[in-house]
Amino acid sequence: ILVMCDAYTPAGEPLPTNKRFNAAKIFSQSDVVAEEPWYGIEQEYT
């Protein structure tokens, strides 16, 4: 398996580069959950 992780200090604080932590808080808000937000991301690269 491949495992996507996010990173924390030993005290359990998210690192500044851990953008997932705040995103998870927003996506867990009841108003957001009720709206079932869908995303389609078009990733360009060279």
PDB file of all heavy atoms in Angstrom:
ATOM      1  N   ILE A   1       0.815  -1.214   0.000  1.00  0.00           N
ATOM      2  CA  ILE A   1       0.000   0.000   0.000  1.00  0.00           C
ATOM      3  C   ILE A   1       0.851   1.268   0.000  1.00  0.00           C
ATOM      4  O   ILE A   1       2.012   1.271   0.410  1.00  0.00           O
ATOM      5  CB  ILE A   1      -0.962   0.038   1.211  1.00  0.00           C
ATOM      6  CG1 ILE A   1      -0.187  -0.115   2.527  1.00  0.00           C
ATOM      7  CG2 ILE A   1      -2.036  -1.024   1.075  1.00  0.00           C
ATOM      8  CD1 ILE A   1      -1.055   0.048   3.779  1.00  0.00           C
ATOM      9  N   LEU A   2       0.229   2.346  -0.483  1.00  0.00           N
ATOM     10  CA  LEU A   2       0.742   3.706  -0.354  1.00  0.00           C
ATOM     11  C   LEU A   2      -0.126   4.411   0.683  1.00  0.00           C
ATOM     12  O   LEU A   2      -1.356   4.297   0.640  1.00  0.00           O
ATOM     13  CB  LEU A   2       0.668   4.453  -1.679  1.00  0.00           C
ATOM     14  CG  LEU A   2       1.385   3.823  -2.883  1.00  0.00           C
ATOM     15  CD1 LEU A   2       1.128   4.663  -4.140  1.00  0.00           C
ATOM     16  CD2 LEU A   2       2.877   3.693  -2.632  1.00  0.00           C
ATOM     17  N   VAL A   3       0.500   5.144   1.590  1.00  0.00           N
ATOM     18  CA  VAL A   3      -0.231   5.763   2.693  1.00  0.00           C
ATOM     19  C   VAL A   3       0.005   7.269   2.676  1.00  0.00           C
ATOM     20  O   VAL A   3       1.139   7.727   2.847  1.00  0.00           O
ATOM     21  CB  VAL A   3       0.224   5.188   4.052  1.00  0.00           C
ATOM     22  CG1 VAL A   3      -0.633   5.774   5.180  1.00  0.00           C
ATOM     23  CG2 VAL A   3       0.160   3.665   4.048  1.00  0.00           C
ATOM     24  N   MET A   4      -1.054   8.045   2.449  1.00  0.00           N
ATOM     25  CA  MET A   4      -0.942   9.502   2.512  1.00  0.00           C
ATOM     26  C   MET A   4      -1.056   9.935   3.963  1.00  0.00           C
ATOM     27  O   MET A   4      -2.023   9.586   4.642  1.00  0.00           O
ATOM     28  CB  MET A   4      -2.048  10.150   1.675  1.00  0.00           C
ATOM     29  CG  MET A   4      -1.820  11.630   1.413  1.00  0.00           C
ATOM     30  SD  MET A   4      -0.391  11.924   0.345  1.00  0.00           S
ATOM     31  CE  MET A   4       0.326  13.363   1.140  1.00  0.00           C
ATOM     32  N   CYS A   5      -0.043  10.678   4.421  1.00  0.00           N
ATOM     33  CA  CYS A   5       0.028  11.091   5.825  1.00  0.00           C
ATOM     34  C   CYS A   5       0.077  12.606   5.936  1.00  0.00           C
ATOM     35  O   CYS A   5       0.428  13.304   4.987  1.00  0.00           O
ATOM     36  CB  CYS A   5       1.287  10.522   6.483  1.00  0.00           C
ATOM     37  SG  CYS A   5       1.478   8.724   6.345  1.00  0.00           S
ATOM     38  N   ASP A   6      -0.256  13.121   7.136  1.00  0.00           N
ATOM     39  CA  ASP A   6       0.085  14.502   7.444  1.00  0.00           C
ATOM     40  C   ASP A   6       0.971  14.512   8.693  1.00  0.00           C
ATOM     41  O   ASP A   6       1.116  13.502   9.378  1.00  0.00           O
ATOM     42  CB  ASP A   6      -1.142  15.406   7.545  1.00  0.00           C
ATOM     43  CG  ASP A   6      -2.156  14.965   8.579  1.00  0.00           C
ATOM     44  OD1 ASP A   6      -1.987  13.886   9.171  1.00  0.00           O
ATOM     45  OD2 ASP A   6      -3.126  15.716   8.811  1.00  0.00           O
ATOM     46  N   ALA A   7       1.589  15.678   8.967  1.00  0.00           N
ATOM     47  CA  ALA A   7       2.696  15.725   9.921  1.00  0.00           C
ATOM     48  C   ALA A   7       2.390  16.604  11.130  1.00  0.00           C
ATOM     49  O   ALA A   7       1.798  17.690  10.994  1.00  0.00           O
ATOM     50  CB  ALA A   7       3.950  16.234   9.209  1.00  0.00           C
ATOM     51  N   TYR A   8       2.839  16.137  12.312  1.00  0.00           N
ATOM     52  CA  TYR A   8       2.568  16.799  13.587  1.00  0.00           C
ATOM     53  C   TYR A   8       3.815  16.789  14.464  1.00  0.00           C
ATOM     54  O   TYR A   8       4.701  15.945  14.304  1.00  0.00           O
ATOM     55  CB  TYR A   8       1.431  16.080  14.337  1.00  0.00           C
ATOM     56  CG  TYR A   8       0.112  16.082  13.609  1.00  0.00           C
ATOM     57  CD1 TYR A   8      -0.131  15.208  12.559  1.00  0.00           C
ATOM     58  CD2 TYR A   8      -0.894  16.974  13.962  1.00  0.00           C
ATOM     59  CE1 TYR A   8      -1.339  15.207  11.879  1.00  0.00           C
ATOM     60  CE2 TYR A   8      -2.110  16.986  13.282  1.00  0.00           C
ATOM     61  CZ  TYR A   8      -2.319  16.097  12.250  1.00  0.00           C
ATOM     62  OH  TYR A   8      -3.516  16.109  11.576  1.00  0.00           O
ATOM     63  N   THR A   9       3.861  17.707  15.403  1.00  0.00           N
ATOM     64  CA  THR A   9       4.893  17.663  16.431  1.00  0.00           C
ATOM     65  C   THR A   9       4.577  16.505  17.385  1.00  0.00           C
ATOM     66  O   THR A   9       3.441  16.008  17.409  1.00  0.00           O
ATOM     67  CB  THR A   9       4.933  18.967  17.238  1.00  0.00           C
ATOM     68  OG1 THR A   9       3.720  19.063  18.014  1.00  0.00           O
ATOM     69  CG2 THR A   9       5.069  20.177  16.323  1.00  0.00           C
ATOM     70  N   PRO A  10       5.547  16.088  18.210  1.00  0.00           N
ATOM     71  CA  PRO A  10       5.257  15.036  19.197  1.00  0.00           C
ATOM     72  C   PRO A  10       4.129  15.424  20.162  1.00  0.00           C
ATOM     73  O   PRO A  10       3.466  14.551  20.729  1.00  0.00           O
ATOM     74  CB  PRO A  10       6.587  14.876  19.925  1.00  0.00           C
ATOM     75  CG  PRO A  10       7.619  15.263  18.911  1.00  0.00           C
ATOM     76  CD  PRO A  10       6.988  16.386  18.140  1.00  0.00           C
ATOM     77  N   ALA A  11       3.898  16.730  20.327  1.00  0.00           N
ATOM     78  CA  ALA A  11       2.821  17.187  21.210  1.00  0.00           C
ATOM     79  C   ALA A  11       1.462  17.177  20.515  1.00  0.00           C
ATOM     80  O   ALA A  11       0.446  17.500  21.137  1.00  0.00           O
ATOM     81  CB  ALA A  11       3.134  18.590  21.718  1.00  0.00           C
ATOM     82  N   GLY A  12       1.440  16.820  19.227  1.00  0.00           N
ATOM     83  CA  GLY A  12       0.181  16.727  18.510  1.00  0.00           C
ATOM     84  C   GLY A  12      -0.246  17.985  17.785  1.00  0.00           C
ATOM     85  O   GLY A  12      -1.381  18.075  17.310  1.00  0.00           O
ATOM     86  N   GLU A  13       0.665  18.973  17.674  1.00  0.00           N
ATOM     87  CA  GLU A  13       0.359  20.196  16.943  1.00  0.00           C
ATOM     88  C   GLU A  13       0.698  20.012  15.462  1.00  0.00           C
ATOM     89  O   GLU A  13       1.780  19.526  15.130  1.00  0.00           O
ATOM     90  CB  GLU A  13       1.159  21.369  17.506  1.00  0.00           C
ATOM     91  CG  GLU A  13       0.801  21.735  18.932  1.00  0.00           C
ATOM     92  CD  GLU A  13      -0.620  22.267  19.049  1.00  0.00           C
ATOM     93  OE1 GLU A  13      -1.051  22.995  18.135  1.00  0.00           O
ATOM     94  OE2 GLU A  13      -1.296  21.921  20.037  1.00  0.00           O
ATOM     95  N   PRO A  14      -0.197  20.413  14.544  1.00  0.00           N
ATOM     96  CA  PRO A  14       0.118  20.279  13.111  1.00  0.00           C
ATOM     97  C   PRO A  14       1.273  21.188  12.730  1.00  0.00           C
ATOM     98  O   PRO A  14       1.364  22.323  13.208  1.00  0.00           O
ATOM     99  CB  PRO A  14      -1.177  20.697  12.418  1.00  0.00           C
ATOM    100  CG  PRO A  14      -1.881  21.570  13.404  1.00  0.00           C
ATOM    101  CD  PRO A  14      -1.526  21.033  14.762  1.00  0.00           C
ATOM    102  N   LEU A  15       2.155  20.711  11.859  1.00  0.00           N
ATOM    103  CA  LEU A  15       3.244  21.536  11.352  1.00  0.00           C
ATOM    104  C   LEU A  15       2.671  22.646  10.466  1.00  0.00           C
ATOM    105  O   LEU A  15       1.584  22.493   9.901  1.00  0.00           O
ATOM    106  CB  LEU A  15       4.220  20.685  10.541  1.00  0.00           C
ATOM    107  CG  LEU A  15       5.439  20.122  11.296  1.00  0.00           C
ATOM    108  CD1 LEU A  15       5.031  19.241  12.453  1.00  0.00           C
ATOM    109  CD2 LEU A  15       6.352  19.373  10.347  1.00  0.00           C
ATOM    110  N   PRO A  16       3.392  23.765  10.294  1.00  0.00           N
ATOM    111  CA  PRO A  16       2.909  24.821   9.403  1.00  0.00           C
ATOM    112  C   PRO A  16       2.644  24.335   7.979  1.00  0.00           C
ATOM    113  O   PRO A  16       1.773  24.866   7.284  1.00  0.00           O
ATOM    114  CB  PRO A  16       4.041  25.853   9.433  1.00  0.00           C
ATOM    115  CG  PRO A  16       4.710  25.644  10.751  1.00  0.00           C
ATOM    116  CD  PRO A  16       4.620  24.168  11.011  1.00  0.00           C
ATOM    117  N   THR A  17       3.392  23.328   7.527  1.00  0.00           N
ATOM    118  CA  THR A  17       3.193  22.786   6.177  1.00  0.00           C
ATOM    119  C   THR A  17       2.030  21.801   6.105  1.00  0.00           C
ATOM    120  O   THR A  17       1.700  21.322   5.019  1.00  0.00           O
ATOM    121  CB  THR A  17       4.470  22.086   5.690  1.00  0.00           C
ATOM    122  OG1 THR A  17       4.938  21.203   6.711  1.00  0.00           O
ATOM    123  CG2 THR A  17       5.554  23.090   5.355  1.00  0.00           C
ATOM    124  N   ASN A  18       1.426  21.499   7.244  1.00  0.00           N
ATOM    125  CA  ASN A  18       0.298  20.568   7.264  1.00  0.00           C
ATOM    126  C   ASN A  18      -0.993  21.329   6.959  1.00  0.00           C
ATOM    127  O   ASN A  18      -1.699  21.786   7.859  1.00  0.00           O
ATOM    128  CB  ASN A  18       0.206  19.871   8.622  1.00  0.00           C
ATOM    129  CG  ASN A  18      -0.936  18.867   8.687  1.00  0.00           C
ATOM    130  OD1 ASN A  18      -1.740  18.755   7.770  1.00  0.00           O
ATOM    131  ND2 ASN A  18      -1.004  18.119   9.775  1.00  0.00           N
ATOM    132  N   LYS A  19      -1.292  21.483   5.678  1.00  0.00           N
ATOM    133  CA  LYS A  19      -2.498  22.186   5.258  1.00  0.00           C
ATOM    134  C   LYS A  19      -3.739  21.305   5.375  1.00  0.00           C
ATOM    135  O   LYS A  19      -4.866  21.799   5.341  1.00  0.00           O
ATOM    136  CB  LYS A  19      -2.352  22.681   3.813  1.00  0.00           C
ATOM    137  CG  LYS A  19      -1.103  23.512   3.559  1.00  0.00           C
ATOM    138  CD  LYS A  19      -1.000  24.723   4.455  1.00  0.00           C
ATOM    139  CE  LYS A  19       0.217  25.572   4.137  1.00  0.00           C
ATOM    140  NZ  LYS A  19       0.397  26.682   5.094  1.00  0.00           N
ATOM    141  N   ARG A  20      -3.534  20.008   5.510  1.00  0.00           N
ATOM    142  CA  ARG A  20      -4.672  19.097   5.607  1.00  0.00           C
ATOM    143  C   ARG A  20      -5.452  19.304   6.897  1.00  0.00           C
ATOM    144  O   ARG A  20      -6.683  19.165   6.926  1.00  0.00           O
ATOM    145  CB  ARG A  20      -4.192  17.645   5.521  1.00  0.00           C
ATOM    146  CG  ARG A  20      -5.324  16.640   5.348  1.00  0.00           C
ATOM    147  CD  ARG A  20      -4.847  15.191   5.412  1.00  0.00           C
ATOM    148  NE  ARG A  20      -5.856  14.286   4.941  1.00  0.00           N
ATOM    149  CZ  ARG A  20      -6.905  13.860   5.654  1.00  0.00           C
ATOM    150  NH1 ARG A  20      -7.088  14.305   6.896  1.00  0.00           N
ATOM    151  NH2 ARG A  20      -7.779  13.019   5.141  1.00  0.00           N
ATOM    152  N   PHE A  21      -4.746  19.633   7.982  1.00  0.00           N
ATOM    153  CA  PHE A  21      -5.383  19.753   9.296  1.00  0.00           C
ATOM    154  C   PHE A  21      -6.503  20.788   9.268  1.00  0.00           C
ATOM    155  O   PHE A  21      -7.638  20.508   9.668  1.00  0.00           O
ATOM    156  CB  PHE A  21      -4.333  20.122  10.343  1.00  0.00           C
ATOM    157  CG  PHE A  21      -4.879  20.282  11.730  1.00  0.00           C
ATOM    158  CD1 PHE A  21      -5.156  19.175  12.517  1.00  0.00           C
ATOM    159  CD2 PHE A  21      -5.122  21.556  12.244  1.00  0.00           C
ATOM    160  CE1 PHE A  21      -5.670  19.329  13.809  1.00  0.00           C
ATOM    161  CE2 PHE A  21      -5.634  21.716  13.529  1.00  0.00           C
ATOM    162  CZ  PHE A  21      -5.907  20.607  14.303  1.00  0.00           C
ATOM    163  N   ASN A  22      -6.207  21.999   8.792  1.00  0.00           N
ATOM    164  CA  ASN A  22      -7.236  23.043   8.733  1.00  0.00           C
ATOM    165  C   ASN A  22      -8.313  22.720   7.710  1.00  0.00           C
ATOM    166  O   ASN A  22      -9.492  23.031   7.911  1.00  0.00           O
ATOM    167  CB  ASN A  22      -6.598  24.400   8.430  1.00  0.00           C
ATOM    168  CG  ASN A  22      -5.900  24.992   9.640  1.00  0.00           C
ATOM    169  OD1 ASN A  22      -6.319  24.749  10.777  1.00  0.00           O
ATOM    170  ND2 ASN A  22      -4.843  25.750   9.412  1.00  0.00           N
ATOM    171  N   ALA A  23      -7.907  22.094   6.595  1.00  0.00           N
ATOM    172  CA  ALA A  23      -8.896  21.706   5.587  1.00  0.00           C
ATOM    173  C   ALA A  23      -9.903  20.718   6.175  1.00  0.00           C
ATOM    174  O   ALA A  23     -11.115  20.829   5.937  1.00  0.00           O
ATOM    175  CB  ALA A  23      -8.196  21.100   4.379  1.00  0.00           C
ATOM    176  N   ALA A  24      -9.413  19.761   6.953  1.00  0.00           N
ATOM    177  CA  ALA A  24     -10.302  18.766   7.553  1.00  0.00           C
ATOM    178  C   ALA A  24     -11.295  19.427   8.509  1.00  0.00           C
ATOM    179  O   ALA A  24     -12.458  18.998   8.609  1.00  0.00           O
ATOM    180  CB  ALA A  24      -9.481  17.708   8.278  1.00  0.00           C
ATOM    181  N   LYS A  25     -10.870  20.464   9.207  1.00  0.00           N
ATOM    182  CA  LYS A  25     -11.783  21.176  10.107  1.00  0.00           C
ATOM    183  C   LYS A  25     -12.900  21.848   9.317  1.00  0.00           C
ATOM    184  O   LYS A  25     -14.064  21.814   9.730  1.00  0.00           O
ATOM    185  CB  LYS A  25     -11.017  22.221  10.926  1.00  0.00           C
ATOM    186  CG  LYS A  25     -10.135  21.622  12.010  1.00  0.00           C
ATOM    187  CD  LYS A  25      -9.778  22.635  13.100  1.00  0.00           C
ATOM    188  CE  LYS A  25      -8.919  23.750  12.561  1.00  0.00           C
ATOM    189  NZ  LYS A  25      -8.456  24.650  13.661  1.00  0.00           N
ATOM    190  N   ILE A  26     -12.558  22.448   8.177  1.00  0.00           N
ATOM    191  CA  ILE A  26     -13.584  23.095   7.346  1.00  0.00           C
ATOM    192  C   ILE A  26     -14.545  22.055   6.772  1.00  0.00           C
ATOM    193  O   ILE A  26     -15.767  22.216   6.813  1.00  0.00           O
ATOM    194  CB  ILE A  26     -12.916  23.915   6.227  1.00  0.00           C
ATOM    195  CG1 ILE A  26     -12.198  25.130   6.829  1.00  0.00           C
ATOM    196  CG2 ILE A  26     -13.937  24.350   5.171  1.00  0.00           C
ATOM    197  CD1 ILE A  26     -11.293  25.859   5.872  1.00  0.00           C
ATOM    198  N   PHE A  27     -13.993  20.955   6.264  1.00  0.00           N
ATOM    199  CA  PHE A  27     -14.844  19.944   5.629  1.00  0.00           C
ATOM    200  C   PHE A  27     -15.699  19.168   6.635  1.00  0.00           C
ATOM    201  O   PHE A  27     -16.658  18.500   6.241  1.00  0.00           O
ATOM    202  CB  PHE A  27     -13.994  18.981   4.799  1.00  0.00           C
ATOM    203  CG  PHE A  27     -13.549  19.559   3.481  1.00  0.00           C
ATOM    204  CD1 PHE A  27     -12.206  19.696   3.177  1.00  0.00           C
ATOM    205  CD2 PHE A  27     -14.478  19.968   2.538  1.00  0.00           C
ATOM    206  CE1 PHE A  27     -11.792  20.231   1.967  1.00  0.00           C
ATOM    207  CE2 PHE A  27     -14.080  20.508   1.325  1.00  0.00           C
ATOM    208  CZ  PHE A  27     -12.731  20.645   1.035  1.00  0.00           C
ATOM    209  N   SER A  28     -15.367  19.270   7.917  1.00  0.00           N
ATOM    210  CA  SER A  28     -16.171  18.582   8.930  1.00  0.00           C
ATOM    211  C   SER A  28     -17.285  19.464   9.496  1.00  0.00           C
ATOM    212  O   SER A  28     -18.118  18.989  10.272  1.00  0.00           O
ATOM    213  CB  SER A  28     -15.271  18.096  10.076  1.00  0.00           C
ATOM    214  OG  SER A  28     -14.693  19.195  10.756  1.00  0.00           O
ATOM    215  N   GLN A  29     -17.321  20.758   9.106  1.00  0.00           N
ATOM    216  CA  GLN A  29     -18.401  21.639   9.545  1.00  0.00           C
ATOM    217  C   GLN A  29     -19.732  21.118   9.012  1.00  0.00           C
ATOM    218  O   GLN A  29     -19.837  20.727   7.845  1.00  0.00           O
ATOM    219  CB  GLN A  29     -18.160  23.060   9.034  1.00  0.00           C
ATOM    220  CG  GLN A  29     -16.929  23.734   9.591  1.00  0.00           C
ATOM    221  CD  GLN A  29     -17.115  24.221  11.014  1.00  0.00           C
ATOM    222  OE1 GLN A  29     -18.189  24.691  11.379  1.00  0.00           O
ATOM    223  NE2 GLN A  29     -16.085  24.095  11.818  1.00  0.00           N
ATOM    224  N   SER A  30     -20.757  21.155   9.844  1.00  0.00           N
ATOM    225  CA  SER A  30     -22.042  20.551   9.472  1.00  0.00           C
ATOM    226  C   SER A  30     -22.635  21.173   8.202  1.00  0.00           C
ATOM    227  O   SER A  30     -23.212  20.467   7.369  1.00  0.00           O
ATOM    228  CB  SER A  30     -23.040  20.676  10.630  1.00  0.00           C
ATOM    229  OG  SER A  30     -23.237  22.035  10.979  1.00  0.00           O
ATOM    230  N   ASP A  31     -22.492  22.494   8.038  1.00  0.00           N
ATOM    231  CA  ASP A  31     -23.035  23.143   6.844  1.00  0.00           C
ATOM    232  C   ASP A  31     -22.317  22.671   5.577  1.00  0.00           C
ATOM    233  O   ASP A  31     -22.939  22.552   4.511  1.00  0.00           O
ATOM    234  CB  ASP A  31     -22.904  24.666   6.959  1.00  0.00           C
ATOM    235  CG  ASP A  31     -23.879  25.259   7.961  1.00  0.00           C
ATOM    236  OD1 ASP A  31     -24.786  24.525   8.414  1.00  0.00           O
ATOM    237  OD2 ASP A  31     -23.738  26.445   8.303  1.00  0.00           O
ATOM    238  N   VAL A  32     -21.018  22.415   5.697  1.00  0.00           N
ATOM    239  CA  VAL A  32     -20.245  21.926   4.549  1.00  0.00           C
ATOM    240  C   VAL A  32     -20.589  20.475   4.259  1.00  0.00           C
ATOM    241  O   VAL A  32     -20.797  20.088   3.095  1.00  0.00           O
ATOM    242  CB  VAL A  32     -18.735  22.099   4.794  1.00  0.00           C
ATOM    243  CG1 VAL A  32     -17.931  21.540   3.625  1.00  0.00           C
ATOM    244  CG2 VAL A  32     -18.396  23.576   5.007  1.00  0.00           C
ATOM    245  N   VAL A  33     -20.678  19.660   5.303  1.00  0.00           N
ATOM    246  CA  VAL A  33     -21.039  18.245   5.135  1.00  0.00           C
ATOM    247  C   VAL A  33     -22.389  18.129   4.428  1.00  0.00           C
ATOM    248  O   VAL A  33     -22.566  17.318   3.515  1.00  0.00           O
ATOM    249  CB  VAL A  33     -21.073  17.528   6.501  1.00  0.00           C
ATOM    250  CG1 VAL A  33     -21.648  16.120   6.349  1.00  0.00           C
ATOM    251  CG2 VAL A  33     -19.684  17.467   7.119  1.00  0.00           C
ATOM    252  N   ALA A  34     -23.338  18.956   4.816  1.00  0.00           N
ATOM    253  CA  ALA A  34     -24.685  18.897   4.233  1.00  0.00           C
ATOM    254  C   ALA A  34     -24.678  19.247   2.749  1.00  0.00           C
ATOM    255  O   ALA A  34     -25.515  18.754   1.989  1.00  0.00           O
ATOM    256  CB  ALA A  34     -25.615  19.840   4.982  1.00  0.00           C
ATOM    257  N   GLU A  35     -23.721  20.079   2.325  1.00  0.00           N
ATOM    258  CA  GLU A  35     -23.672  20.516   0.925  1.00  0.00           C
ATOM    259  C   GLU A  35     -22.893  19.561   0.021  1.00  0.00           C
ATOM    260  O   GLU A  35     -22.888  19.728  -1.200  1.00  0.00           O
ATOM    261  CB  GLU A  35     -23.070  21.927   0.823  1.00  0.00           C
ATOM    262  CG  GLU A  35     -24.053  23.025   1.163  1.00  0.00           C
ATOM    263  CD  GLU A  35     -25.149  23.191   0.117  1.00  0.00           C
ATOM    264  OE1 GLU A  35     -25.107  22.518  -0.932  1.00  0.00           O
ATOM    265  OE2 GLU A  35     -26.063  23.997   0.361  1.00  0.00           O
ATOM    266  N   GLU A  36     -22.234  18.571   0.583  1.00  0.00           N
ATOM    267  CA  GLU A  36     -21.523  17.551  -0.197  1.00  0.00           C
ATOM    268  C   GLU A  36     -20.689  18.171  -1.326  1.00  0.00           C
ATOM    269  O   GLU A  36     -20.972  17.939  -2.513  1.00  0.00           O
ATOM    270  CB  GLU A  36     -22.509  16.528  -0.777  1.00  0.00           C
ATOM    271  CG  GLU A  36     -23.301  15.776   0.286  1.00  0.00           C
ATOM    272  CD  GLU A  36     -24.354  14.855  -0.316  1.00  0.00           C
ATOM    273  OE1 GLU A  36     -24.343  14.665  -1.556  1.00  0.00           O
ATOM    274  OE2 GLU A  36     -25.183  14.331   0.451  1.00  0.00           O
ATOM    275  N   PRO A  37     -19.665  18.953  -1.011  1.00  0.00           N
ATOM    276  CA  PRO A  37     -18.878  19.616  -2.063  1.00  0.00           C
ATOM    277  C   PRO A  37     -18.078  18.621  -2.894  1.00  0.00           C
ATOM    278  O   PRO A  37     -17.339  17.799  -2.354  1.00  0.00           O
ATOM    279  CB  PRO A  37     -17.962  20.557  -1.277  1.00  0.00           C
ATOM    280  CG  PRO A  37     -17.841  19.929   0.080  1.00  0.00           C
ATOM    281  CD  PRO A  37     -19.161  19.276   0.341  1.00  0.00           C
ATOM    282  N   TRP A  38     -18.245  18.724  -4.201  1.00  0.00           N
ATOM    283  CA  TRP A  38     -17.505  17.891  -5.147  1.00  0.00           C
ATOM    284  C   TRP A  38     -16.443  18.733  -5.836  1.00  0.00           C
ATOM    285  O   TRP A  38     -16.669  19.905  -6.157  1.00  0.00           O
ATOM    286  CB  TRP A  38     -18.438  17.335  -6.226  1.00  0.00           C
ATOM    287  CG  TRP A  38     -19.413  16.301  -5.772  1.00  0.00           C
ATOM    288  CD1 TRP A  38     -19.561  15.764  -4.526  1.00  0.00           C
ATOM    289  CD2 TRP A  38     -20.410  15.661  -6.595  1.00  0.00           C
ATOM    290  NE1 TRP A  38     -20.581  14.846  -4.508  1.00  0.00           N
ATOM    291  CE2 TRP A  38     -21.112  14.767  -5.765  1.00  0.00           C
ATOM    292  CE3 TRP A  38     -20.762  15.773  -7.929  1.00  0.00           C
ATOM    293  CZ2 TRP A  38     -22.164  13.985  -6.251  1.00  0.00           C
ATOM    294  CZ3 TRP A  38     -21.805  14.995  -8.407  1.00  0.00           C
ATOM    295  CH2 TRP A  38     -22.487  14.099  -7.569  1.00  0.00           C
ATOM    296  N   TYR A  39     -15.319  18.093  -6.121  1.00  0.00           N
ATOM    297  CA  TYR A  39     -14.220  18.773  -6.810  1.00  0.00           C
ATOM    298  C   TYR A  39     -13.720  17.921  -7.974  1.00  0.00           C
ATOM    299  O   TYR A  39     -13.667  16.691  -7.887  1.00  0.00           O
ATOM    300  CB  TYR A  39     -13.050  19.032  -5.858  1.00  0.00           C
ATOM    301  CG  TYR A  39     -13.416  19.933  -4.704  1.00  0.00           C
ATOM    302  CD1 TYR A  39     -13.907  19.393  -3.513  1.00  0.00           C
ATOM    303  CD2 TYR A  39     -13.307  21.312  -4.816  1.00  0.00           C
ATOM    304  CE1 TYR A  39     -14.272  20.214  -2.465  1.00  0.00           C
ATOM    305  CE2 TYR A  39     -13.671  22.146  -3.768  1.00  0.00           C
ATOM    306  CZ  TYR A  39     -14.151  21.591  -2.593  1.00  0.00           C
ATOM    307  OH  TYR A  39     -14.522  22.406  -1.557  1.00  0.00           O
ATOM    308  N   GLY A  40     -13.353  18.613  -9.031  1.00  0.00           N
ATOM    309  CA  GLY A  40     -12.619  17.994 -10.131  1.00  0.00           C
ATOM    310  C   GLY A  40     -11.435  18.894 -10.439  1.00  0.00           C
ATOM    311  O   GLY A  40     -11.612  20.051 -10.826  1.00  0.00           O
ATOM    312  N   ILE A  41     -10.232  18.403 -10.211  1.00  0.00           N
ATOM    313  CA  ILE A  41      -9.031  19.234 -10.343  1.00  0.00           C
ATOM    314  C   ILE A  41      -8.266  18.846 -11.607  1.00  0.00           C
ATOM    315  O   ILE A  41      -7.963  17.670 -11.818  1.00  0.00           O
ATOM    316  CB  ILE A  41      -8.130  19.105  -9.107  1.00  0.00           C
ATOM    317  CG1 ILE A  41      -8.914  19.486  -7.842  1.00  0.00           C
ATOM    318  CG2 ILE A  41      -6.890  19.995  -9.256  1.00  0.00           C
ATOM    319  CD1 ILE A  41      -8.153  19.276  -6.554  1.00  0.00           C
ATOM    320  N   GLU A  42      -7.983  19.843 -12.439  1.00  0.00           N
ATOM    321  CA  GLU A  42      -7.240  19.636 -13.681  1.00  0.00           C
ATOM    322  C   GLU A  42      -5.767  20.000 -13.434  1.00  0.00           C
ATOM    323  O   GLU A  42      -5.415  21.174 -13.436  1.00  0.00           O
ATOM    324  CB  GLU A  42      -7.829  20.504 -14.796  1.00  0.00           C
ATOM    325  CG  GLU A  42      -9.316  20.269 -15.028  1.00  0.00           C
ATOM    326  CD  GLU A  42      -9.910  21.297 -15.980  1.00  0.00           C
ATOM    327  OE1 GLU A  42      -9.190  21.768 -16.888  1.00  0.00           O
ATOM    328  OE2 GLU A  42     -11.089  21.655 -15.794  1.00  0.00           O
ATOM    329  N   GLN A  43      -4.959  18.998 -13.198  1.00  0.00           N
ATOM    330  CA  GLN A  43      -3.557  19.225 -12.845  1.00  0.00           C
ATOM    331  C   GLN A  43      -2.677  19.259 -14.086  1.00  0.00           C
ATOM    332  O   GLN A  43      -2.446  18.242 -14.738  1.00  0.00           O
ATOM    333  CB  GLN A  43      -3.057  18.116 -11.906  1.00  0.00           C
ATOM    334  CG  GLN A  43      -1.595  18.204 -11.544  1.00  0.00           C
ATOM    335  CD  GLN A  43      -1.256  19.391 -10.676  1.00  0.00           C
ATOM    336  OE1 GLN A  43      -1.605  19.418  -9.507  1.00  0.00           O
ATOM    337  NE2 GLN A  43      -0.562  20.372 -11.235  1.00  0.00           N
ATOM    338  N   GLU A  44      -2.166  20.448 -14.420  1.00  0.00           N
ATOM    339  CA  GLU A  44      -1.216  20.583 -15.518  1.00  0.00           C
ATOM    340  C   GLU A  44       0.209  20.456 -14.976  1.00  0.00           C
ATOM    341  O   GLU A  44       0.488  20.829 -13.834  1.00  0.00           O
ATOM    342  CB  GLU A  44      -1.409  21.922 -16.234  1.00  0.00           C
ATOM    343  CG  GLU A  44      -2.755  22.033 -16.921  1.00  0.00           C
ATOM    344  CD  GLU A  44      -2.999  23.383 -17.568  1.00  0.00           C
ATOM    345  OE1 GLU A  44      -2.300  24.357 -17.209  1.00  0.00           O
ATOM    346  OE2 GLU A  44      -3.897  23.466 -18.421  1.00  0.00           O
ATOM    347  N   TYR A  45       1.105  19.957 -15.813  1.00  0.00           N
ATOM    348  CA  TYR A  45       2.499  19.787 -15.412  1.00  0.00           C
ATOM    349  C   TYR A  45       3.365  19.758 -16.655  1.00  0.00           C
ATOM    350  O   TYR A  45       2.872  19.569 -17.777  1.00  0.00           O
ATOM    351  CB  TYR A  45       2.690  18.499 -14.602  1.00  0.00           C
ATOM    352  CG  TYR A  45       2.323  17.230 -15.329  1.00  0.00           C
ATOM    353  CD1 TYR A  45       3.282  16.484 -16.015  1.00  0.00           C
ATOM    354  CD2 TYR A  45       0.998  16.760 -15.346  1.00  0.00           C
ATOM    355  CE1 TYR A  45       2.946  15.320 -16.688  1.00  0.00           C
ATOM    356  CE2 TYR A  45       0.659  15.592 -16.014  1.00  0.00           C
ATOM    357  CZ  TYR A  45       1.636  14.878 -16.686  1.00  0.00           C
ATOM    358  OH  TYR A  45       1.299  13.725 -17.351  1.00  0.00           O
ATOM    359  N   THR A  46       4.668  19.941 -16.464  1.00  0.00           N
ATOM    360  CA  THR A  46       5.603  19.944 -17.578  1.00  0.00           C
ATOM    361  C   THR A  46       6.694  18.913 -17.334  1.00  0.00           C
ATOM    362  O   THR A  46       7.181  18.770 -16.209  1.00  0.00           O
ATOM    363  CB  THR A  46       6.240  21.341 -17.754  1.00  0.00           C
ATOM    364  OG1 THR A  46       5.193  22.318 -17.816  1.00  0.00           O
ATOM    365  CG2 THR A  46       7.075  21.403 -19.026  1.00  0.00           C
TER     366      THR A  46
END
